[in-house]
Amino acid sequence: MPRLVAVLSSILLLAGCAGADLAKQTFPRTTIPANAENVSDPSGTSQKSPPPADGEPVDPAFAADKLRLVDPCELLDEDVLKRFGTPGDRSRSGFSRCSNFMKDKGGKDLAVTVEVGQTMTTELKNADKQLAGLRSYEQVLENSACFVSVITQDEPGLGLTVQIGYEDGDACAPGREMAESVVRQIKERSATRTPAKGSLITLDPCVLPDKAAVDAAAGDDYRLYPYGLHNCAWVGDDRELTLAFREAYIPDDRKFDDKQTEVDLGGGVTGYQVSSSTAFPSCEVKWVQLVGSDNEGELVQVKSAGPKAAEFDRCATAVTFAKAIIGKIPKG
């Protein structure tokens, strides 16, 4: 259990650090209490839709490969946002998350964030409402925010969440309205994007590596833990491995960390390696996949970790795994 907590925490950290704009976010999902207030069903019915078969989305439109192509910023329909006030600029945070920090009709702050393809755990268990024909769950931070989550798949649990940060009104009402709009747009495929050549966005990190590469890096009897659409972990008895695809800021000097060292990953690819000697020592290797305008780009991150008692070379493990998957990633 401690190892699983550690690996999921590291994945949450990766997801939470996907873009600089998250600094504006004052209500991260990970702070929501498990016993957050339930809100009455706005549809007036407690009838639940039947769960889908294991491994299947509730609708083909919500299949993982289709969700990876959804542009979250396009889901923030300005016509819908204008019902709540005056939209601001859209602020992208990673592949699957986008925010609009706007003003309500009285000029007060109103933050709207949408994220697709989220792993659902508590939400899946407690989804007791209906929204746009799908099971949903609402969580409230009193006088701060409302999180409207819609379940799109049971096994593994996946869904989408609309977050409304609003201190001066009913945050859940605009959250439901926006969530209904998001579901409709995804079904209509009106927010589908065309990825750049060599983009990581379409890749499933859980199926990309060969089994032999995972076996060598994660050890025997590992368990597979997908997280969202772009992160995966393999947790073994005394070690764990994570693979993450990120949209992120790419500095001109490639200085991601003051403690990083460069490592040759082959094929002209330079990796940036950072080790940590905490209570759960780790080594991370990342490399740049794409660079676009304004230093926006995409990164691949590999991390090997394990308790101090586990004596193995974490950096060698991460580098070997990185070399094993580089050839399986399309070049830009």
C-alpha atoms as a PDB file:
ATOM      1  CA  MET A   1       0.000   0.000   0.000  1.00  0.00           C
ATOM      2  CA  PRO A   2       2.738   2.608   0.773  1.00  0.00           C
ATOM      3  CA  ARG A   3       4.294   1.948  -2.625  1.00  0.00           C
ATOM      4  CA  LEU A   4       0.948   2.398  -4.366  1.00  0.00           C
ATOM      5  CA  VAL A   5       0.312   5.638  -2.495  1.00  0.00           C
ATOM      6  CA  ALA A   6       3.743   6.878  -3.483  1.00  0.00           C
ATOM      7  CA  VAL A   7       3.368   6.089  -7.158  1.00  0.00           C
ATOM      8  CA  LEU A   8      -0.117   7.557  -7.429  1.00  0.00           C
ATOM      9  CA  SER A   9       1.089  10.644  -5.590  1.00  0.00           C
ATOM     10  CA  SER A  10       3.905  11.044  -8.078  1.00  0.00           C
ATOM     11  CA  ILE A  11       1.497  10.712 -10.981  1.00  0.00           C
ATOM     12  CA  LEU A  12      -0.845  13.273  -9.435  1.00  0.00           C
ATOM     13  CA  LEU A  13       2.118  15.606  -9.105  1.00  0.00           C
ATOM     14  CA  LEU A  14       3.008  15.142 -12.762  1.00  0.00           C
ATOM     15  CA  ALA A  15      -0.537  15.801 -13.809  1.00  0.00           C
ATOM     16  CA  GLY A  16      -0.818  18.821 -11.523  1.00  0.00           C
ATOM     17  CA  CYS A  17       2.382  20.368 -12.854  1.00  0.00           C
ATOM     18  CA  ALA A  18       1.469  20.057 -16.504  1.00  0.00           C
ATOM     19  CA  GLY A  19       1.511  23.784 -17.158  1.00  0.00           C
ATOM     20  CA  ALA A  20       2.463  27.084 -15.577  1.00  0.00           C
ATOM     21  CA  ASP A  21      -1.157  28.248 -15.664  1.00  0.00           C
ATOM     22  CA  LEU A  22      -2.007  25.905 -12.811  1.00  0.00           C
ATOM     23  CA  ALA A  23      -0.527  28.492 -10.486  1.00  0.00           C
ATOM     24  CA  LYS A  24      -3.771  30.398 -10.935  1.00  0.00           C
ATOM     25  CA  GLN A  25      -5.800  27.387  -9.854  1.00  0.00           C
ATOM     26  CA  THR A  26      -6.892  27.820  -6.259  1.00  0.00           C
ATOM     27  CA  PHE A  27      -9.004  24.700  -5.966  1.00  0.00           C
ATOM     28  CA  PRO A  28      -7.129  21.550  -7.035  1.00  0.00           C
ATOM     29  CA  ARG A  29      -9.154  18.325  -7.095  1.00  0.00           C
ATOM     30  CA  THR A  30      -6.839  16.595  -4.660  1.00  0.00           C
ATOM     31  CA  THR A  31      -7.975  18.861  -1.836  1.00  0.00           C
ATOM     32  CA  ILE A  32     -11.619  17.813  -1.995  1.00  0.00           C
ATOM     33  CA  PRO A  33     -12.764  16.045   1.175  1.00  0.00           C
ATOM     34  CA  ALA A  34     -14.218  12.594   0.638  1.00  0.00           C
ATOM     35  CA  ASN A  35     -17.352  13.560   2.539  1.00  0.00           C
ATOM     36  CA  ALA A  36     -18.030  16.701   0.515  1.00  0.00           C
ATOM     37  CA  GLU A  37     -21.603  17.920   0.481  1.00  0.00           C
ATOM     38  CA  ASN A  38     -24.071  16.214  -1.837  1.00  0.00           C
ATOM     39  CA  VAL A  39     -26.256  18.432  -3.950  1.00  0.00           C
ATOM     40  CA  SER A  40     -29.819  17.508  -4.808  1.00  0.00           C
ATOM     41  CA  ASP A  41     -30.380  15.961  -8.213  1.00  0.00           C
ATOM     42  CA  PRO A  42     -31.344  18.835 -10.540  1.00  0.00           C
ATOM     43  CA  SER A  43     -33.156  16.439 -12.858  1.00  0.00           C
ATOM     44  CA  GLY A  44     -35.605  15.549 -10.103  1.00  0.00           C
ATOM     45  CA  THR A  45     -34.926  11.824 -10.417  1.00  0.00           C
ATOM     46  CA  SER A  46     -32.551   9.469  -8.689  1.00  0.00           C
ATOM     47  CA  GLN A  47     -32.756   6.854 -11.457  1.00  0.00           C
ATOM     48  CA  LYS A  48     -29.315   5.627 -12.476  1.00  0.00           C
ATOM     49  CA  SER A  49     -28.297   4.523 -15.936  1.00  0.00           C
ATOM     50  CA  PRO A  50     -27.072   0.909 -16.147  1.00  0.00           C
ATOM     51  CA  PRO A  51     -23.292   0.502 -15.826  1.00  0.00           C
ATOM     52  CA  PRO A  52     -21.392  -0.326 -19.011  1.00  0.00           C
ATOM     53  CA  ALA A  53     -19.611  -3.620 -19.560  1.00  0.00           C
ATOM     54  CA  ASP A  54     -16.111  -3.794 -18.049  1.00  0.00           C
ATOM     55  CA  GLY A  55     -13.597  -1.961 -20.160  1.00  0.00           C
ATOM     56  CA  GLU A  56     -16.189  -0.279 -22.368  1.00  0.00           C
ATOM     57  CA  PRO A  57     -17.202   3.400 -22.295  1.00  0.00           C
ATOM     58  CA  VAL A  58     -20.843   4.311 -21.781  1.00  0.00           C
ATOM     59  CA  ASP A  59     -20.839   5.599 -25.363  1.00  0.00           C
ATOM     60  CA  PRO A  60     -18.284   5.039 -28.165  1.00  0.00           C
ATOM     61  CA  ALA A  61     -17.712   8.807 -28.218  1.00  0.00           C
ATOM     62  CA  PHE A  62     -16.034   8.476 -24.805  1.00  0.00           C
ATOM     63  CA  ALA A  63     -13.526   5.800 -25.797  1.00  0.00           C
ATOM     64  CA  ALA A  64     -10.035   6.671 -24.567  1.00  0.00           C
ATOM     65  CA  ASP A  65      -8.591   7.025 -28.067  1.00  0.00           C
ATOM     66  CA  LYS A  66     -11.284   9.563 -28.914  1.00  0.00           C
ATOM     67  CA  LEU A  67     -10.947  11.467 -25.636  1.00  0.00           C
ATOM     68  CA  ARG A  68      -7.228  11.929 -26.277  1.00  0.00           C
ATOM     69  CA  LEU A  69      -8.148  13.952 -29.362  1.00  0.00           C
ATOM     70  CA  VAL A  70     -10.594  16.216 -27.534  1.00  0.00           C
ATOM     71  CA  ASP A  71      -9.338  19.787 -27.205  1.00  0.00           C
ATOM     72  CA  PRO A  72     -10.372  20.855 -23.678  1.00  0.00           C
ATOM     73  CA  CYS A  73     -10.133  24.548 -24.530  1.00  0.00           C
ATOM     74  CA  GLU A  74     -12.620  24.132 -27.372  1.00  0.00           C
ATOM     75  CA  LEU A  75     -15.022  22.591 -24.867  1.00  0.00           C
ATOM     76  CA  LEU A  76     -15.191  25.944 -23.045  1.00  0.00           C
ATOM     77  CA  ASP A  77     -17.874  27.231 -25.396  1.00  0.00           C
ATOM     78  CA  GLU A  78     -17.991  31.024 -25.140  1.00  0.00           C
ATOM     79  CA  ASP A  79     -21.716  31.078 -25.860  1.00  0.00           C
ATOM     80  CA  VAL A  80     -22.242  28.999 -22.726  1.00  0.00           C
ATOM     81  CA  LEU A  81     -19.719  30.986 -20.681  1.00  0.00           C
ATOM     82  CA  LYS A  82     -21.478  34.239 -21.588  1.00  0.00           C
ATOM     83  CA  ARG A  83     -24.550  32.982 -19.747  1.00  0.00           C
ATOM     84  CA  PHE A  84     -22.517  33.314 -16.549  1.00  0.00           C
ATOM     85  CA  GLY A  85     -20.698  36.585 -17.251  1.00  0.00           C
ATOM     86  CA  THR A  86     -17.745  37.843 -19.284  1.00  0.00           C
ATOM     87  CA  PRO A  87     -15.270  35.181 -20.491  1.00  0.00           C
ATOM     88  CA  GLY A  88     -11.557  35.818 -20.147  1.00  0.00           C
ATOM     89  CA  ASP A  89      -8.653  34.237 -21.991  1.00  0.00           C
ATOM     90  CA  ARG A  90      -8.489  30.470 -22.128  1.00  0.00           C
ATOM     91  CA  SER A  91      -5.602  28.922 -20.206  1.00  0.00           C
ATOM     92  CA  ARG A  92      -4.435  25.446 -21.210  1.00  0.00           C
ATOM     93  CA  SER A  93      -2.829  23.110 -18.650  1.00  0.00           C
ATOM     94  CA  GLY A  94      -1.606  19.934 -20.278  1.00  0.00           C
ATOM     95  CA  PHE A  95      -3.282  17.778 -22.878  1.00  0.00           C
ATOM     96  CA  SER A  96      -6.649  17.412 -21.183  1.00  0.00           C
ATOM     97  CA  ARG A  97      -7.306  20.465 -19.010  1.00  0.00           C
ATOM     98  CA  CYS A  98      -8.278  24.049 -19.787  1.00  0.00           C
ATOM     99  CA  SER A  99      -9.561  26.999 -17.745  1.00  0.00           C
ATOM    100  CA  ASN A 100     -11.251  30.317 -18.310  1.00  0.00           C
ATOM    101  CA  PHE A 101     -10.716  32.849 -15.530  1.00  0.00           C
ATOM    102  CA  MET A 102     -13.678  35.133 -16.165  1.00  0.00           C
ATOM    103  CA  LYS A 103     -15.975  37.592 -14.406  1.00  0.00           C
ATOM    104  CA  ASP A 104     -19.585  37.011 -13.436  1.00  0.00           C
ATOM    105  CA  LYS A 105     -22.288  39.473 -14.418  1.00  0.00           C
ATOM    106  CA  GLY A 106     -21.461  41.540 -11.349  1.00  0.00           C
ATOM    107  CA  GLY A 107     -17.744  41.681 -12.129  1.00  0.00           C
ATOM    108  CA  LYS A 108     -16.696  39.105  -9.537  1.00  0.00           C
ATOM    109  CA  ASP A 109     -14.184  36.332 -10.210  1.00  0.00           C
ATOM    110  CA  LEU A 110     -15.535  33.114 -11.714  1.00  0.00           C
ATOM    111  CA  ALA A 111     -13.146  30.339 -12.762  1.00  0.00           C
ATOM    112  CA  VAL A 112     -14.309  27.570 -15.086  1.00  0.00           C
ATOM    113  CA  THR A 113     -12.085  24.533 -15.674  1.00  0.00           C
ATOM    114  CA  VAL A 114     -12.790  21.403 -17.679  1.00  0.00           C
ATOM    115  CA  GLU A 115     -10.730  18.219 -17.634  1.00  0.00           C
ATOM    116  CA  VAL A 116     -11.438  15.104 -19.690  1.00  0.00           C
ATOM    117  CA  GLY A 117     -10.262  11.526 -19.289  1.00  0.00           C
ATOM    118  CA  GLN A 118      -9.764  11.687 -15.538  1.00  0.00           C
ATOM    119  CA  THR A 119      -9.392   8.589 -13.418  1.00  0.00           C
ATOM    120  CA  MET A 120     -12.526   8.284 -11.292  1.00  0.00           C
ATOM    121  CA  THR A 121     -12.433   6.542  -7.905  1.00  0.00           C
ATOM    122  CA  THR A 122     -14.514   8.300  -5.257  1.00  0.00           C
ATOM    123  CA  GLU A 123     -16.630   9.818  -8.017  1.00  0.00           C
ATOM    124  CA  LEU A 124     -17.346   6.410  -9.516  1.00  0.00           C
ATOM    125  CA  LYS A 125     -18.324   4.928  -6.173  1.00  0.00           C
ATOM    126  CA  ASN A 126     -20.579   7.828  -5.187  1.00  0.00           C
ATOM    127  CA  ALA A 127     -22.108   8.784  -8.540  1.00  0.00           C
ATOM    128  CA  ASP A 128     -25.741   9.085  -7.459  1.00  0.00           C
ATOM    129  CA  LYS A 129     -27.079  11.691  -9.869  1.00  0.00           C
ATOM    130  CA  GLN A 130     -27.907  12.030 -13.546  1.00  0.00           C
ATOM    131  CA  LEU A 131     -26.568  14.614 -15.966  1.00  0.00           C
ATOM    132  CA  ALA A 132     -26.995  14.568 -19.736  1.00  0.00           C
ATOM    133  CA  GLY A 133     -28.109  10.940 -19.464  1.00  0.00           C
ATOM    134  CA  LEU A 134     -24.963   9.854 -17.602  1.00  0.00           C
ATOM    135  CA  ARG A 135     -24.188   9.145 -13.963  1.00  0.00           C
ATOM    136  CA  SER A 136     -22.666  12.098 -12.181  1.00  0.00           C
ATOM    137  CA  TYR A 137     -21.316  13.178  -8.819  1.00  0.00           C
ATOM    138  CA  GLU A 138     -21.004  16.622  -7.291  1.00  0.00           C
ATOM    139  CA  GLN A 139     -18.522  17.730  -4.659  1.00  0.00           C
ATOM    140  CA  VAL A 140     -18.595  21.113  -2.983  1.00  0.00           C
ATOM    141  CA  LEU A 141     -15.972  23.156  -1.228  1.00  0.00           C
ATOM    142  CA  GLU A 142     -18.123  25.478   0.849  1.00  0.00           C
ATOM    143  CA  ASN A 143     -18.090  29.069  -0.401  1.00  0.00           C
ATOM    144  CA  SER A 144     -15.274  28.187  -2.787  1.00  0.00           C
ATOM    145  CA  ALA A 145     -15.944  25.725  -5.588  1.00  0.00           C
ATOM    146  CA  CYS A 146     -18.095  22.987  -7.053  1.00  0.00           C
ATOM    147  CA  PHE A 147     -16.840  19.949  -8.968  1.00  0.00           C
ATOM    148  CA  VAL A 148     -19.307  18.290 -11.314  1.00  0.00           C
ATOM    149  CA  SER A 149     -17.978  14.902 -12.434  1.00  0.00           C
ATOM    150  CA  VAL A 150     -19.560  12.767 -15.148  1.00  0.00           C
ATOM    151  CA  ILE A 151     -18.743   9.059 -15.430  1.00  0.00           C
ATOM    152  CA  THR A 152     -17.878   7.906 -18.942  1.00  0.00           C
ATOM    153  CA  GLN A 153     -16.427   4.464 -18.145  1.00  0.00           C
ATOM    154  CA  ASP A 154     -16.596   2.043 -15.223  1.00  0.00           C
ATOM    155  CA  GLU A 155     -13.558  -0.213 -15.614  1.00  0.00           C
ATOM    156  CA  PRO A 156     -11.187   1.444 -15.320  1.00  0.00           C
ATOM    157  CA  GLY A 157     -13.124   4.405 -13.953  1.00  0.00           C
ATOM    158  CA  LEU A 158     -12.878   7.390 -16.290  1.00  0.00           C
ATOM    159  CA  GLY A 159     -14.818  10.586 -16.631  1.00  0.00           C
ATOM    160  CA  LEU A 160     -14.775  14.323 -17.050  1.00  0.00           C
ATOM    161  CA  THR A 161     -14.999  17.102 -14.496  1.00  0.00           C
ATOM    162  CA  VAL A 162     -16.115  20.702 -14.686  1.00  0.00           C
ATOM    163  CA  GLN A 163     -14.738  22.792 -11.832  1.00  0.00           C
ATOM    164  CA  ILE A 164     -16.330  26.114 -10.930  1.00  0.00           C
ATOM    165  CA  GLY A 165     -14.428  28.396  -8.599  1.00  0.00           C
ATOM    166  CA  TYR A 166     -16.925  30.937  -7.299  1.00  0.00           C
ATOM    167  CA  GLU A 167     -17.209  32.444  -3.849  1.00  0.00           C
ATOM    168  CA  ASP A 168     -20.339  34.524  -4.299  1.00  0.00           C
ATOM    169  CA  GLY A 169     -23.003  32.188  -5.611  1.00  0.00           C
ATOM    170  CA  ASP A 170     -24.151  28.675  -6.435  1.00  0.00           C
ATOM    171  CA  ALA A 171     -21.081  27.247  -8.159  1.00  0.00           C
ATOM    172  CA  CYS A 172     -22.811  23.969  -9.012  1.00  0.00           C
ATOM    173  CA  ALA A 173     -25.501  25.505 -11.218  1.00  0.00           C
ATOM    174  CA  PRO A 174     -23.073  26.780 -13.894  1.00  0.00           C
ATOM    175  CA  GLY A 175     -21.060  23.598 -13.384  1.00  0.00           C
ATOM    176  CA  ARG A 176     -23.989  21.415 -14.420  1.00  0.00           C
ATOM    177  CA  GLU A 177     -24.786  23.630 -17.366  1.00  0.00           C
ATOM    178  CA  MET A 178     -21.198  23.568 -18.593  1.00  0.00           C
ATOM    179  CA  ALA A 179     -20.920  19.803 -18.034  1.00  0.00           C
ATOM    180  CA  GLU A 180     -24.018  19.216 -20.168  1.00  0.00           C
ATOM    181  CA  SER A 181     -22.443  21.320 -22.916  1.00  0.00           C
ATOM    182  CA  VAL A 182     -19.160  19.374 -22.634  1.00  0.00           C
ATOM    183  CA  VAL A 183     -20.915  16.005 -22.920  1.00  0.00           C
ATOM    184  CA  ARG A 184     -22.859  17.190 -25.948  1.00  0.00           C
ATOM    185  CA  GLN A 185     -19.755  18.518 -27.714  1.00  0.00           C
ATOM    186  CA  ILE A 186     -17.802  15.318 -27.112  1.00  0.00           C
ATOM    187  CA  LYS A 187     -20.653  13.228 -28.519  1.00  0.00           C
ATOM    188  CA  GLU A 188     -20.841  15.517 -31.543  1.00  0.00           C
ATOM    189  CA  ARG A 189     -17.021  15.474 -31.860  1.00  0.00           C
ATOM    190  CA  SER A 190     -17.141  19.251 -32.318  1.00  0.00           C
ATOM    191  CA  ALA A 191     -14.002  19.784 -30.204  1.00  0.00           C
ATOM    192  CA  THR A 192     -11.776  17.214 -31.912  1.00  0.00           C
ATOM    193  CA  ARG A 193      -8.229  18.349 -32.751  1.00  0.00           C
ATOM    194  CA  THR A 194      -5.657  17.194 -35.259  1.00  0.00           C
ATOM    195  CA  PRO A 195      -2.372  16.350 -33.472  1.00  0.00           C
ATOM    196  CA  ALA A 196       0.946  17.595 -34.773  1.00  0.00           C
ATOM    197  CA  LYS A 197       3.250  15.118 -36.462  1.00  0.00           C
ATOM    198  CA  GLY A 198       5.088  13.120 -33.816  1.00  0.00           C
ATOM    199  CA  SER A 199       2.767  14.226 -31.017  1.00  0.00           C
ATOM    200  CA  LEU A 200       2.425  12.045 -27.941  1.00  0.00           C
ATOM    201  CA  ILE A 201      -1.227  12.875 -27.568  1.00  0.00           C
ATOM    202  CA  THR A 202      -2.622   9.764 -29.258  1.00  0.00           C
ATOM    203  CA  LEU A 203      -0.348   7.272 -27.467  1.00  0.00           C
ATOM    204  CA  ASP A 204      -1.520   4.999 -24.642  1.00  0.00           C
ATOM    205  CA  PRO A 205       1.385   4.823 -22.173  1.00  0.00           C
ATOM    206  CA  CYS A 206       0.081   1.564 -20.703  1.00  0.00           C
ATOM    207  CA  VAL A 207       0.267  -0.362 -23.978  1.00  0.00           C
ATOM    208  CA  LEU A 208       3.244   1.343 -25.634  1.00  0.00           C
ATOM    209  CA  PRO A 209       6.098  -0.583 -23.923  1.00  0.00           C
ATOM    210  CA  ASP A 210       6.919  -4.192 -24.693  1.00  0.00           C
ATOM    211  CA  LYS A 211       6.218  -6.605 -21.860  1.00  0.00           C
ATOM    212  CA  ALA A 212       9.900  -7.516 -21.635  1.00  0.00           C
ATOM    213  CA  ALA A 213      10.841  -3.876 -21.001  1.00  0.00           C
ATOM    214  CA  VAL A 214       8.223  -3.553 -18.246  1.00  0.00           C
ATOM    215  CA  ASP A 215       9.239  -6.884 -16.695  1.00  0.00           C
ATOM    216  CA  ALA A 216      12.855  -5.743 -16.495  1.00  0.00           C
ATOM    217  CA  ALA A 217      11.982  -2.373 -14.951  1.00  0.00           C
ATOM    218  CA  ALA A 218       9.097  -3.246 -12.610  1.00  0.00           C
ATOM    219  CA  GLY A 219      10.164  -6.673 -11.396  1.00  0.00           C
ATOM    220  CA  ASP A 220       7.969  -9.718 -10.860  1.00  0.00           C
ATOM    221  CA  ASP A 221       4.250  -9.698 -10.139  1.00  0.00           C
ATOM    222  CA  TYR A 222       3.713  -6.016 -10.862  1.00  0.00           C
ATOM    223  CA  ARG A 223       0.267  -4.452 -11.016  1.00  0.00           C
ATOM    224  CA  LEU A 224      -0.790  -2.048 -13.734  1.00  0.00           C
ATOM    225  CA  TYR A 225      -2.304   1.310 -12.725  1.00  0.00           C
ATOM    226  CA  PRO A 226      -3.416   3.660 -15.521  1.00  0.00           C
ATOM    227  CA  TYR A 227      -3.991   7.242 -14.442  1.00  0.00           C
ATOM    228  CA  GLY A 228      -5.971   9.453 -16.771  1.00  0.00           C
ATOM    229  CA  LEU A 229      -5.193   9.262 -20.476  1.00  0.00           C
ATOM    230  CA  HIS A 230      -1.464  10.009 -20.475  1.00  0.00           C
ATOM    231  CA  ASN A 231       0.064   8.369 -17.383  1.00  0.00           C
ATOM    232  CA  CYS A 232       0.718   4.761 -16.410  1.00  0.00           C
ATOM    233  CA  ALA A 233       2.378   2.972 -13.490  1.00  0.00           C
ATOM    234  CA  TRP A 234       3.613  -0.565 -12.962  1.00  0.00           C
ATOM    235  CA  VAL A 235       3.990  -1.386  -9.265  1.00  0.00           C
ATOM    236  CA  GLY A 236       6.052  -4.430  -8.323  1.00  0.00           C
ATOM    237  CA  ASP A 237       6.931  -5.986  -4.990  1.00  0.00           C
ATOM    238  CA  ASP A 238       9.978  -3.800  -4.321  1.00  0.00           C
ATOM    239  CA  ARG A 239      10.015  -1.249  -7.117  1.00  0.00           C
ATOM    240  CA  GLU A 240       7.775   0.744  -9.392  1.00  0.00           C
ATOM    241  CA  LEU A 241       7.899   2.361 -12.788  1.00  0.00           C
ATOM    242  CA  THR A 242       5.930   5.269 -14.207  1.00  0.00           C
ATOM    243  CA  LEU A 243       5.599   6.577 -17.737  1.00  0.00           C
ATOM    244  CA  ALA A 244       3.995   9.951 -18.446  1.00  0.00           C
ATOM    245  CA  PHE A 245       3.373  12.000 -21.569  1.00  0.00           C
ATOM    246  CA  ARG A 246       3.138  15.730 -20.879  1.00  0.00           C
ATOM    247  CA  GLU A 247       2.431  18.986 -22.605  1.00  0.00           C
ATOM    248  CA  ALA A 248       4.735  21.481 -20.932  1.00  0.00           C
ATOM    249  CA  TYR A 249       6.943  24.553 -21.171  1.00  0.00           C
ATOM    250  CA  ILE A 250      10.294  23.739 -22.811  1.00  0.00           C
ATOM    251  CA  PRO A 251      13.085  26.136 -21.756  1.00  0.00           C
ATOM    252  CA  ASP A 252      15.515  27.189 -24.473  1.00  0.00           C
ATOM    253  CA  ASP A 253      18.466  25.880 -22.470  1.00  0.00           C
ATOM    254  CA  ARG A 254      16.608  22.643 -21.597  1.00  0.00           C
ATOM    255  CA  LYS A 255      17.299  23.358 -17.922  1.00  0.00           C
ATOM    256  CA  PHE A 256      14.367  21.585 -16.311  1.00  0.00           C
ATOM    257  CA  ASP A 257      16.098  21.077 -12.966  1.00  0.00           C
ATOM    258  CA  ASP A 258      19.253  22.535 -11.430  1.00  0.00           C
ATOM    259  CA  LYS A 259      20.344  19.038 -10.423  1.00  0.00           C
ATOM    260  CA  GLN A 260      19.809  17.377 -13.791  1.00  0.00           C
ATOM    261  CA  THR A 261      22.516  15.606 -15.764  1.00  0.00           C
ATOM    262  CA  GLU A 262      22.444  14.773 -19.430  1.00  0.00           C
ATOM    263  CA  VAL A 263      22.340  11.178 -20.631  1.00  0.00           C
ATOM    264  CA  ASP A 264      22.582   9.815 -24.178  1.00  0.00           C
ATOM    265  CA  LEU A 265      19.458   7.785 -24.934  1.00  0.00           C
ATOM    266  CA  GLY A 266      20.572   6.877 -28.452  1.00  0.00           C
ATOM    267  CA  GLY A 267      19.293   7.961 -31.830  1.00  0.00           C
ATOM    268  CA  GLY A 268      20.365  11.533 -31.199  1.00  0.00           C
ATOM    269  CA  VAL A 269      18.043  11.881 -28.203  1.00  0.00           C
ATOM    270  CA  THR A 270      19.322  13.582 -25.051  1.00  0.00           C
ATOM    271  CA  GLY A 271      17.700  12.705 -21.763  1.00  0.00           C
ATOM    272  CA  TYR A 272      17.718  14.816 -18.603  1.00  0.00           C
ATOM    273  CA  GLN A 273      18.204  12.727 -15.479  1.00  0.00           C
ATOM    274  CA  VAL A 274      17.437  13.696 -11.882  1.00  0.00           C
ATOM    275  CA  SER A 275      17.747  11.403  -8.882  1.00  0.00           C
ATOM    276  CA  SER A 276      16.138  11.809  -5.468  1.00  0.00           C
ATOM    277  CA  SER A 277      17.355  10.347  -2.181  1.00  0.00           C
ATOM    278  CA  THR A 278      14.172  10.744  -0.137  1.00  0.00           C
ATOM    279  CA  ALA A 279      12.600   8.002   1.992  1.00  0.00           C
ATOM    280  CA  PHE A 280      11.450   6.506  -1.310  1.00  0.00           C
ATOM    281  CA  PRO A 281      14.463   7.039  -3.599  1.00  0.00           C
ATOM    282  CA  SER A 282      13.790   7.569  -7.287  1.00  0.00           C
ATOM    283  CA  CYS A 283      15.368   8.508 -10.574  1.00  0.00           C
ATOM    284  CA  GLU A 284      13.566  10.311 -13.366  1.00  0.00           C
ATOM    285  CA  VAL A 285      14.615  10.626 -16.991  1.00  0.00           C
ATOM    286  CA  LYS A 286      12.796  12.955 -19.347  1.00  0.00           C
ATOM    287  CA  TRP A 287      13.319  14.030 -22.911  1.00  0.00           C
ATOM    288  CA  VAL A 288      11.785  16.505 -25.328  1.00  0.00           C
ATOM    289  CA  GLN A 289       9.497  15.048 -27.963  1.00  0.00           C
ATOM    290  CA  LEU A 290       8.235  18.225 -29.656  1.00  0.00           C
ATOM    291  CA  VAL A 291       8.759  21.971 -29.395  1.00  0.00           C
ATOM    292  CA  GLY A 292       6.189  24.400 -30.774  1.00  0.00           C
ATOM    293  CA  SER A 293       5.700  28.139 -30.620  1.00  0.00           C
ATOM    294  CA  ASP A 294       6.358  30.136 -27.448  1.00  0.00           C
ATOM    295  CA  ASN A 295       8.372  27.261 -25.979  1.00  0.00           C
ATOM    296  CA  GLU A 296       5.309  25.054 -25.714  1.00  0.00           C
ATOM    297  CA  GLY A 297       6.090  21.411 -26.280  1.00  0.00           C
ATOM    298  CA  GLU A 298       5.778  17.805 -25.240  1.00  0.00           C
ATOM    299  CA  LEU A 299       7.847  15.688 -22.864  1.00  0.00           C
ATOM    300  CA  VAL A 300       8.225  11.997 -22.099  1.00  0.00           C
ATOM    301  CA  GLN A 301       8.968  11.171 -18.455  1.00  0.00           C
ATOM    302  CA  VAL A 302      10.172   7.834 -17.090  1.00  0.00           C
ATOM    303  CA  LYS A 303      10.595   7.301 -13.372  1.00  0.00           C
ATOM    304  CA  SER A 304      11.986   4.346 -11.428  1.00  0.00           C
ATOM    305  CA  ALA A 305      11.518   4.245  -7.674  1.00  0.00           C
ATOM    306  CA  GLY A 306      11.532   1.929  -4.671  1.00  0.00           C
ATOM    307  CA  PRO A 307      12.019   1.856  -0.912  1.00  0.00           C
ATOM    308  CA  LYS A 308      15.518   2.295   0.475  1.00  0.00           C
ATOM    309  CA  ALA A 309      15.689  -1.377   1.346  1.00  0.00           C
ATOM    310  CA  ALA A 310      15.354  -2.264  -2.339  1.00  0.00           C
ATOM    311  CA  GLU A 311      18.906  -2.243  -3.649  1.00  0.00           C
ATOM    312  CA  PHE A 312      18.802  -1.627  -7.391  1.00  0.00           C
ATOM    313  CA  ASP A 313      20.108   1.084  -9.704  1.00  0.00           C
ATOM    314  CA  ARG A 314      17.113   3.296 -10.268  1.00  0.00           C
ATOM    315  CA  CYS A 315      18.793   5.534 -12.837  1.00  0.00           C
ATOM    316  CA  ALA A 316      20.089   2.590 -14.855  1.00  0.00           C
ATOM    317  CA  THR A 317      16.592   1.101 -14.766  1.00  0.00           C
ATOM    318  CA  ALA A 318      14.980   4.334 -15.950  1.00  0.00           C
ATOM    319  CA  VAL A 319      17.526   4.866 -18.719  1.00  0.00           C
ATOM    320  CA  THR A 320      17.247   1.281 -19.973  1.00  0.00           C
ATOM    321  CA  PHE A 321      13.458   1.528 -20.076  1.00  0.00           C
ATOM    322  CA  ALA A 322      13.647   4.908 -21.834  1.00  0.00           C
ATOM    323  CA  LYS A 323      15.917   3.457 -24.513  1.00  0.00           C
ATOM    324  CA  ALA A 324      13.485   0.566 -24.968  1.00  0.00           C
ATOM    325  CA  ILE A 325      10.510   2.811 -25.756  1.00  0.00           C
ATOM    326  CA  ILE A 326      12.108   5.642 -27.736  1.00  0.00           C
ATOM    327  CA  GLY A 327      11.949   3.665 -30.962  1.00  0.00           C
ATOM    328  CA  LYS A 328       8.230   3.049 -30.436  1.00  0.00           C
ATOM    329  CA  ILE A 329       7.383   6.759 -30.278  1.00  0.00           C
ATOM    330  CA  PRO A 330       6.776   8.490 -33.656  1.00  0.00           C
ATOM    331  CA  LYS A 331       9.284  11.175 -34.522  1.00  0.00           C
ATOM    332  CA  GLY A 332       8.212  14.744 -35.165  1.00  0.00           C
END
